[in-house]
Amino acid sequence: MNEDNGTKAARKRRPRKSLSPEQVVDGAITLIQREGIDALSMPKLAEELDCGVMTVYGYVANKDDLLAKVTSRLVDALPLDISGEPSWDDALRRYCIALRQRMLEFPTLAQLLIKRRLWSPSMADVIEWLLDRMASAGWRPDEALRAYRAAQTYTLGFAVYEAERTQTHPYREHETWWRQTLADLPPEQYPRLNEVAEFLPRGALEEQYHWGLERLIGGIAEQR
């Protein structure tokens, strides 16, 4: 018998009922972070948790249910304090910054937050807080919701773009690609692109995110 297979076969599984729902979700997050969302399966999660596949099914109905729980865990831990009464624009700004921060903490899970519903019990509290701050400032309910969605969509899209260029791959690779690509563009044929050559590699940086967010919120305020 192959030594590795023998070791694997001899490894003792954890005792029955020694898992918790939190540990199952933690295991899924660890697996996704290490190998990607597409690698997640019930057998692989069972291996990650040192348990049988049917044990996993005792905590989640299927993979879709598991991904919903993973998404809920991620949004539950947003680094956002909703106890105060800031202005509507500051509340919206704080939410977006917290959402981006959370996505960058888990770059391989950013796509998951794009594809699935951003919802959990604590997320309901966040949205209620945001809409209340906007209502207190005189916003109509439908317009407040539109503003929230516009800022959130910008943040989700930027975070996925940013994570791919600064987290999944080294930012230096992104910067080098731009510089090599622009070096092949004749200045006489592409004068405007050459004018901004030093700025193009910076599109995925934090300063660009805040620049866009401030102008988005400012534009929303002007349209009230």
C-alpha atoms as a PDB file:
ATOM      1  CA  MET A   1       0.000   0.000   0.000  1.00  0.00           C
ATOM      2  CA  ASN A   2       1.241   3.476  -0.850  1.00  0.00           C
ATOM      3  CA  GLU A   3       2.445   5.191   2.315  1.00  0.00           C
ATOM      4  CA  ASP A   4       0.371   8.305   1.646  1.00  0.00           C
ATOM      5  CA  ASN A   5      -2.756   6.238   1.032  1.00  0.00           C
ATOM      6  CA  GLY A   6      -2.076   4.209   4.132  1.00  0.00           C
ATOM      7  CA  THR A   7      -1.707   7.315   6.226  1.00  0.00           C
ATOM      8  CA  LYS A   8      -4.890   8.734   4.769  1.00  0.00           C
ATOM      9  CA  ALA A   9      -6.803   5.524   5.383  1.00  0.00           C
ATOM     10  CA  ALA A  10      -5.498   5.244   8.908  1.00  0.00           C
ATOM     11  CA  ARG A  11      -6.352   8.810   9.809  1.00  0.00           C
ATOM     12  CA  LYS A  12      -9.130   8.872  12.340  1.00  0.00           C
ATOM     13  CA  ARG A  13     -12.174  10.917  11.555  1.00  0.00           C
ATOM     14  CA  ARG A  14     -13.495  13.295  14.150  1.00  0.00           C
ATOM     15  CA  PRO A  15     -16.144  11.872  16.499  1.00  0.00           C
ATOM     16  CA  ARG A  16     -19.781  12.147  15.453  1.00  0.00           C
ATOM     17  CA  LYS A  17     -21.553  15.322  16.554  1.00  0.00           C
ATOM     18  CA  SER A  18     -18.219  17.023  17.239  1.00  0.00           C
ATOM     19  CA  LEU A  19     -18.793  19.568  14.458  1.00  0.00           C
ATOM     20  CA  SER A  20     -20.762  22.791  14.701  1.00  0.00           C
ATOM     21  CA  PRO A  21     -22.502  24.755  11.923  1.00  0.00           C
ATOM     22  CA  GLU A  22     -19.867  27.455  12.354  1.00  0.00           C
ATOM     23  CA  GLN A  23     -17.043  24.954  11.809  1.00  0.00           C
ATOM     24  CA  VAL A  24     -18.657  23.696   8.612  1.00  0.00           C
ATOM     25  CA  VAL A  25     -18.848  27.228   7.208  1.00  0.00           C
ATOM     26  CA  ASP A  26     -15.306  27.957   8.403  1.00  0.00           C
ATOM     27  CA  GLY A  27     -14.091  24.847   6.599  1.00  0.00           C
ATOM     28  CA  ALA A  28     -15.829  25.890   3.394  1.00  0.00           C
ATOM     29  CA  ILE A  29     -14.275  29.364   3.553  1.00  0.00           C
ATOM     30  CA  THR A  30     -10.820  27.890   4.148  1.00  0.00           C
ATOM     31  CA  LEU A  31     -11.219  25.519   1.208  1.00  0.00           C
ATOM     32  CA  ILE A  32     -12.488  28.244  -1.122  1.00  0.00           C
ATOM     33  CA  GLN A  33      -9.700  30.601  -0.119  1.00  0.00           C
ATOM     34  CA  ARG A  34      -7.091  27.944  -0.815  1.00  0.00           C
ATOM     35  CA  GLU A  35      -8.456  26.325  -3.976  1.00  0.00           C
ATOM     36  CA  GLY A  36     -11.205  28.575  -5.344  1.00  0.00           C
ATOM     37  CA  ILE A  37     -14.998  28.417  -5.426  1.00  0.00           C
ATOM     38  CA  ASP A  38     -15.105  25.853  -8.242  1.00  0.00           C
ATOM     39  CA  ALA A  39     -13.115  23.417  -6.096  1.00  0.00           C
ATOM     40  CA  LEU A  40     -15.775  23.355  -3.379  1.00  0.00           C
ATOM     41  CA  SER A  41     -17.688  20.092  -3.162  1.00  0.00           C
ATOM     42  CA  MET A  42     -19.227  18.106  -0.359  1.00  0.00           C
ATOM     43  CA  PRO A  43     -16.582  15.341  -0.538  1.00  0.00           C
ATOM     44  CA  LYS A  44     -13.732  17.860  -0.493  1.00  0.00           C
ATOM     45  CA  LEU A  45     -15.312  19.721   2.407  1.00  0.00           C
ATOM     46  CA  ALA A  46     -15.717  16.449   4.297  1.00  0.00           C
ATOM     47  CA  GLU A  47     -12.019  15.778   3.738  1.00  0.00           C
ATOM     48  CA  GLU A  48     -11.183  19.291   4.943  1.00  0.00           C
ATOM     49  CA  LEU A  49     -13.203  18.705   8.115  1.00  0.00           C
ATOM     50  CA  ASP A  50     -12.020  15.111   8.686  1.00  0.00           C
ATOM     51  CA  CYS A  51     -15.550  13.760   8.628  1.00  0.00           C
ATOM     52  CA  GLY A  52     -17.862  11.750   6.405  1.00  0.00           C
ATOM     53  CA  VAL A  53     -19.793  13.334   3.552  1.00  0.00           C
ATOM     54  CA  MET A  54     -23.122  12.509   5.190  1.00  0.00           C
ATOM     55  CA  THR A  55     -21.960  14.379   8.282  1.00  0.00           C
ATOM     56  CA  VAL A  56     -21.659  17.521   6.164  1.00  0.00           C
ATOM     57  CA  TYR A  57     -25.193  16.984   4.889  1.00  0.00           C
ATOM     58  CA  GLY A  58     -26.336  17.035   8.487  1.00  0.00           C
ATOM     59  CA  TYR A  59     -25.522  20.757   8.531  1.00  0.00           C
ATOM     60  CA  VAL A  60     -26.303  21.924   4.985  1.00  0.00           C
ATOM     61  CA  ALA A  61     -28.884  20.749   2.483  1.00  0.00           C
ATOM     62  CA  ASN A  62     -26.649  21.025  -0.583  1.00  0.00           C
ATOM     63  CA  LYS A  63     -23.851  23.090  -2.107  1.00  0.00           C
ATOM     64  CA  ASP A  64     -26.181  25.990  -2.828  1.00  0.00           C
ATOM     65  CA  ASP A  65     -27.256  26.091   0.805  1.00  0.00           C
ATOM     66  CA  LEU A  66     -23.610  25.974   1.864  1.00  0.00           C
ATOM     67  CA  LEU A  67     -22.684  28.901  -0.402  1.00  0.00           C
ATOM     68  CA  ALA A  68     -25.610  30.882   0.979  1.00  0.00           C
ATOM     69  CA  LYS A  69     -24.295  30.316   4.498  1.00  0.00           C
ATOM     70  CA  VAL A  70     -20.774  31.317   3.441  1.00  0.00           C
ATOM     71  CA  THR A  71     -22.102  34.537   1.892  1.00  0.00           C
ATOM     72  CA  SER A  72     -24.123  35.277   5.007  1.00  0.00           C
ATOM     73  CA  ARG A  73     -21.040  34.789   7.189  1.00  0.00           C
ATOM     74  CA  LEU A  74     -19.026  37.219   5.071  1.00  0.00           C
ATOM     75  CA  VAL A  75     -21.585  40.006   5.154  1.00  0.00           C
ATOM     76  CA  ASP A  76     -22.329  39.404   8.833  1.00  0.00           C
ATOM     77  CA  ALA A  77     -18.769  40.440   9.647  1.00  0.00           C
ATOM     78  CA  LEU A  78     -18.749  43.796   7.861  1.00  0.00           C
ATOM     79  CA  PRO A  79     -16.459  46.191   9.771  1.00  0.00           C
ATOM     80  CA  LEU A  80     -19.237  48.747  10.154  1.00  0.00           C
ATOM     81  CA  ASP A  81     -20.642  50.457  13.242  1.00  0.00           C
ATOM     82  CA  ILE A  82     -24.330  51.250  12.751  1.00  0.00           C
ATOM     83  CA  SER A  83     -25.000  52.541  16.248  1.00  0.00           C
ATOM     84  CA  GLY A  84     -24.580  56.233  15.447  1.00  0.00           C
ATOM     85  CA  GLU A  85     -26.580  58.794  13.474  1.00  0.00           C
ATOM     86  CA  PRO A  86     -24.247  60.127  10.775  1.00  0.00           C
ATOM     87  CA  SER A  87     -25.400  62.152   7.794  1.00  0.00           C
ATOM     88  CA  TRP A  88     -26.907  60.123   4.965  1.00  0.00           C
ATOM     89  CA  ASP A  89     -23.871  60.563   2.733  1.00  0.00           C
ATOM     90  CA  ASP A  90     -21.423  59.582   5.470  1.00  0.00           C
ATOM     91  CA  ALA A  91     -23.521  56.503   6.287  1.00  0.00           C
ATOM     92  CA  LEU A  92     -23.495  55.454   2.634  1.00  0.00           C
ATOM     93  CA  ARG A  93     -19.770  56.126   2.401  1.00  0.00           C
ATOM     94  CA  ARG A  94     -19.023  54.077   5.534  1.00  0.00           C
ATOM     95  CA  TYR A  95     -21.059  51.146   4.260  1.00  0.00           C
ATOM     96  CA  CYS A  96     -19.336  51.074   0.882  1.00  0.00           C
ATOM     97  CA  ILE A  97     -15.862  51.328   2.393  1.00  0.00           C
ATOM     98  CA  ALA A  98     -16.659  48.496   4.831  1.00  0.00           C
ATOM     99  CA  LEU A  99     -18.012  46.317   2.006  1.00  0.00           C
ATOM    100  CA  ARG A 100     -14.901  46.866  -0.113  1.00  0.00           C
ATOM    101  CA  GLN A 101     -12.650  46.094   2.853  1.00  0.00           C
ATOM    102  CA  ARG A 102     -14.471  42.837   3.525  1.00  0.00           C
ATOM    103  CA  MET A 103     -14.209  41.732  -0.088  1.00  0.00           C
ATOM    104  CA  LEU A 104     -10.486  42.447  -0.201  1.00  0.00           C
ATOM    105  CA  GLU A 105      -9.988  40.401   2.965  1.00  0.00           C
ATOM    106  CA  PHE A 106     -11.392  37.427   1.013  1.00  0.00           C
ATOM    107  CA  PRO A 107     -10.358  38.107  -2.603  1.00  0.00           C
ATOM    108  CA  THR A 108     -11.255  34.653  -3.915  1.00  0.00           C
ATOM    109  CA  LEU A 109     -14.745  35.096  -2.493  1.00  0.00           C
ATOM    110  CA  ALA A 110     -15.393  38.457  -4.149  1.00  0.00           C
ATOM    111  CA  GLN A 111     -17.131  36.770  -7.088  1.00  0.00           C
ATOM    112  CA  LEU A 112     -19.368  34.902  -4.650  1.00  0.00           C
ATOM    113  CA  LEU A 113     -20.675  38.179  -3.247  1.00  0.00           C
ATOM    114  CA  ILE A 114     -21.352  39.378  -6.792  1.00  0.00           C
ATOM    115  CA  LYS A 115     -23.266  36.281  -7.859  1.00  0.00           C
ATOM    116  CA  ARG A 116     -25.332  35.677  -4.736  1.00  0.00           C
ATOM    117  CA  ARG A 117     -27.772  37.735  -2.710  1.00  0.00           C
ATOM    118  CA  LEU A 118     -26.068  40.076  -0.280  1.00  0.00           C
ATOM    119  CA  TRP A 119     -28.336  39.125   2.577  1.00  0.00           C
ATOM    120  CA  SER A 120     -28.235  38.005   6.183  1.00  0.00           C
ATOM    121  CA  PRO A 121     -30.023  39.037   9.389  1.00  0.00           C
ATOM    122  CA  SER A 122     -27.305  41.565  10.157  1.00  0.00           C
ATOM    123  CA  MET A 123     -27.452  42.873   6.587  1.00  0.00           C
ATOM    124  CA  ALA A 124     -31.108  43.701   7.171  1.00  0.00           C
ATOM    125  CA  ASP A 125     -29.998  45.857  10.112  1.00  0.00           C
ATOM    126  CA  VAL A 126     -27.411  47.618   7.943  1.00  0.00           C
ATOM    127  CA  ILE A 127     -29.882  48.412   5.159  1.00  0.00           C
ATOM    128  CA  GLU A 128     -32.500  49.568   7.673  1.00  0.00           C
ATOM    129  CA  TRP A 129     -29.915  51.897   9.229  1.00  0.00           C
ATOM    130  CA  LEU A 130     -28.887  53.291   5.849  1.00  0.00           C
ATOM    131  CA  LEU A 131     -32.447  53.889   4.685  1.00  0.00           C
ATOM    132  CA  ASP A 132     -33.320  55.485   8.020  1.00  0.00           C
ATOM    133  CA  ARG A 133     -30.416  57.918   7.731  1.00  0.00           C
ATOM    134  CA  MET A 134     -31.567  58.829   4.236  1.00  0.00           C
ATOM    135  CA  ALA A 135     -35.206  59.159   5.278  1.00  0.00           C
ATOM    136  CA  SER A 136     -34.132  61.463   8.107  1.00  0.00           C
ATOM    137  CA  ALA A 137     -32.497  63.676   5.479  1.00  0.00           C
ATOM    138  CA  GLY A 138     -35.714  63.865   3.468  1.00  0.00           C
ATOM    139  CA  TRP A 139     -35.103  61.198   0.857  1.00  0.00           C
ATOM    140  CA  ARG A 140     -38.085  59.496  -0.752  1.00  0.00           C
ATOM    141  CA  PRO A 141     -37.981  55.744  -0.035  1.00  0.00           C
ATOM    142  CA  ASP A 142     -37.565  54.709  -3.673  1.00  0.00           C
ATOM    143  CA  GLU A 143     -34.836  57.284  -4.331  1.00  0.00           C
ATOM    144  CA  ALA A 144     -32.987  56.278  -1.171  1.00  0.00           C
ATOM    145  CA  LEU A 145     -32.991  52.658  -2.322  1.00  0.00           C
ATOM    146  CA  ARG A 146     -31.726  53.655  -5.773  1.00  0.00           C
ATOM    147  CA  ALA A 147     -28.871  55.630  -4.225  1.00  0.00           C
ATOM    148  CA  TYR A 148     -27.924  52.719  -1.977  1.00  0.00           C
ATOM    149  CA  ARG A 149     -27.943  50.292  -4.888  1.00  0.00           C
ATOM    150  CA  ALA A 150     -25.895  52.586  -7.126  1.00  0.00           C
ATOM    151  CA  ALA A 151     -23.147  52.986  -4.521  1.00  0.00           C
ATOM    152  CA  GLN A 152     -23.171  49.295  -3.628  1.00  0.00           C
ATOM    153  CA  THR A 153     -22.963  48.196  -7.269  1.00  0.00           C
ATOM    154  CA  TYR A 154     -20.011  50.509  -7.869  1.00  0.00           C
ATOM    155  CA  THR A 155     -18.249  49.095  -4.814  1.00  0.00           C
ATOM    156  CA  LEU A 156     -18.875  45.455  -5.704  1.00  0.00           C
ATOM    157  CA  GLY A 157     -17.629  45.933  -9.252  1.00  0.00           C
ATOM    158  CA  PHE A 158     -14.555  47.887  -8.237  1.00  0.00           C
ATOM    159  CA  ALA A 159     -13.620  45.412  -5.506  1.00  0.00           C
ATOM    160  CA  VAL A 160     -13.705  42.484  -7.945  1.00  0.00           C
ATOM    161  CA  TYR A 161     -11.610  44.493 -10.430  1.00  0.00           C
ATOM    162  CA  GLU A 162      -9.207  45.544  -7.671  1.00  0.00           C
ATOM    163  CA  ALA A 163      -8.854  42.101  -6.093  1.00  0.00           C
ATOM    164  CA  GLU A 164      -7.920  40.491  -9.394  1.00  0.00           C
ATOM    165  CA  ARG A 165      -5.170  43.038  -9.965  1.00  0.00           C
ATOM    166  CA  THR A 166      -3.796  43.564  -6.476  1.00  0.00           C
ATOM    167  CA  GLN A 167      -4.709  40.477  -4.431  1.00  0.00           C
ATOM    168  CA  THR A 168      -5.040  37.435  -6.705  1.00  0.00           C
ATOM    169  CA  HIS A 169      -2.004  38.553  -8.721  1.00  0.00           C
ATOM    170  CA  PRO A 170       0.796  40.891  -7.581  1.00  0.00           C
ATOM    171  CA  TYR A 171       0.096  44.511  -8.457  1.00  0.00           C
ATOM    172  CA  ARG A 172       3.570  44.715  -9.973  1.00  0.00           C
ATOM    173  CA  GLU A 173       2.461  42.308 -12.712  1.00  0.00           C
ATOM    174  CA  HIS A 174      -0.471  44.578 -13.560  1.00  0.00           C
ATOM    175  CA  GLU A 175       1.753  47.640 -13.602  1.00  0.00           C
ATOM    176  CA  THR A 176       4.396  45.935 -15.753  1.00  0.00           C
ATOM    177  CA  TRP A 177       1.779  44.809 -18.284  1.00  0.00           C
ATOM    178  CA  TRP A 178       0.521  48.356 -18.714  1.00  0.00           C
ATOM    179  CA  ARG A 179       3.976  49.813 -19.130  1.00  0.00           C
ATOM    180  CA  GLN A 180       4.996  47.221 -21.711  1.00  0.00           C
ATOM    181  CA  THR A 181       1.733  47.627 -23.614  1.00  0.00           C
ATOM    182  CA  LEU A 182       1.915  51.412 -23.702  1.00  0.00           C
ATOM    183  CA  ALA A 183       5.542  51.326 -24.791  1.00  0.00           C
ATOM    184  CA  ASP A 184       4.377  49.824 -28.093  1.00  0.00           C
ATOM    185  CA  LEU A 185       1.972  52.698 -28.827  1.00  0.00           C
ATOM    186  CA  PRO A 186       3.533  55.378 -31.075  1.00  0.00           C
ATOM    187  CA  PRO A 187       3.110  58.809 -29.409  1.00  0.00           C
ATOM    188  CA  GLU A 188       2.240  60.451 -32.714  1.00  0.00           C
ATOM    189  CA  GLN A 189      -0.649  58.024 -33.228  1.00  0.00           C
ATOM    190  CA  TYR A 190      -1.841  57.856 -29.606  1.00  0.00           C
ATOM    191  CA  PRO A 191      -0.909  61.207 -28.061  1.00  0.00           C
ATOM    192  CA  ARG A 192      -3.685  61.207 -25.445  1.00  0.00           C
ATOM    193  CA  LEU A 193      -2.920  57.713 -24.204  1.00  0.00           C
ATOM    194  CA  ASN A 194       0.746  58.599 -23.912  1.00  0.00           C
ATOM    195  CA  GLU A 195      -0.188  61.683 -21.882  1.00  0.00           C
ATOM    196  CA  VAL A 196      -1.811  59.517 -19.227  1.00  0.00           C
ATOM    197  CA  ALA A 197       0.621  56.601 -19.463  1.00  0.00           C
ATOM    198  CA  GLU A 198       1.897  56.983 -15.899  1.00  0.00           C
ATOM    199  CA  PHE A 199      -1.655  57.012 -14.496  1.00  0.00           C
ATOM    200  CA  LEU A 200      -3.161  54.047 -16.373  1.00  0.00           C
ATOM    201  CA  PRO A 201      -1.594  51.360 -14.136  1.00  0.00           C
ATOM    202  CA  ARG A 202      -3.179  53.004 -11.080  1.00  0.00           C
ATOM    203  CA  GLY A 203      -6.753  52.172 -12.015  1.00  0.00           C
ATOM    204  CA  ALA A 204      -7.034  49.384  -9.451  1.00  0.00           C
ATOM    205  CA  LEU A 205      -5.653  51.289  -6.476  1.00  0.00           C
ATOM    206  CA  GLU A 206      -7.495  52.488  -3.380  1.00  0.00           C
ATOM    207  CA  GLU A 207      -7.159  56.142  -4.353  1.00  0.00           C
ATOM    208  CA  GLN A 208      -9.110  55.457  -7.555  1.00  0.00           C
ATOM    209  CA  TYR A 209     -11.878  53.751  -5.583  1.00  0.00           C
ATOM    210  CA  HIS A 210     -12.283  56.698  -3.218  1.00  0.00           C
ATOM    211  CA  TRP A 211     -12.143  59.168  -6.112  1.00  0.00           C
ATOM    212  CA  GLY A 212     -15.010  57.385  -7.829  1.00  0.00           C
ATOM    213  CA  LEU A 213     -17.031  56.889  -4.639  1.00  0.00           C
ATOM    214  CA  GLU A 214     -16.854  60.564  -3.676  1.00  0.00           C
ATOM    215  CA  ARG A 215     -17.972  61.675  -7.118  1.00  0.00           C
ATOM    216  CA  LEU A 216     -20.741  59.116  -7.178  1.00  0.00           C
ATOM    217  CA  ILE A 217     -22.083  60.260  -3.813  1.00  0.00           C
ATOM    218  CA  GLY A 218     -21.631  63.900  -4.819  1.00  0.00           C
ATOM    219  CA  GLY A 219     -23.541  63.323  -8.043  1.00  0.00           C
ATOM    220  CA  ILE A 220     -26.338  61.549  -6.179  1.00  0.00           C
ATOM    221  CA  ALA A 221     -26.588  64.493  -3.781  1.00  0.00           C
ATOM    222  CA  GLU A 222     -26.881  66.973  -6.653  1.00  0.00           C
ATOM    223  CA  GLN A 223     -29.780  65.033  -8.189  1.00  0.00           C
ATOM    224  CA  ARG A 224     -31.934  65.110  -5.056  1.00  0.00           C
END
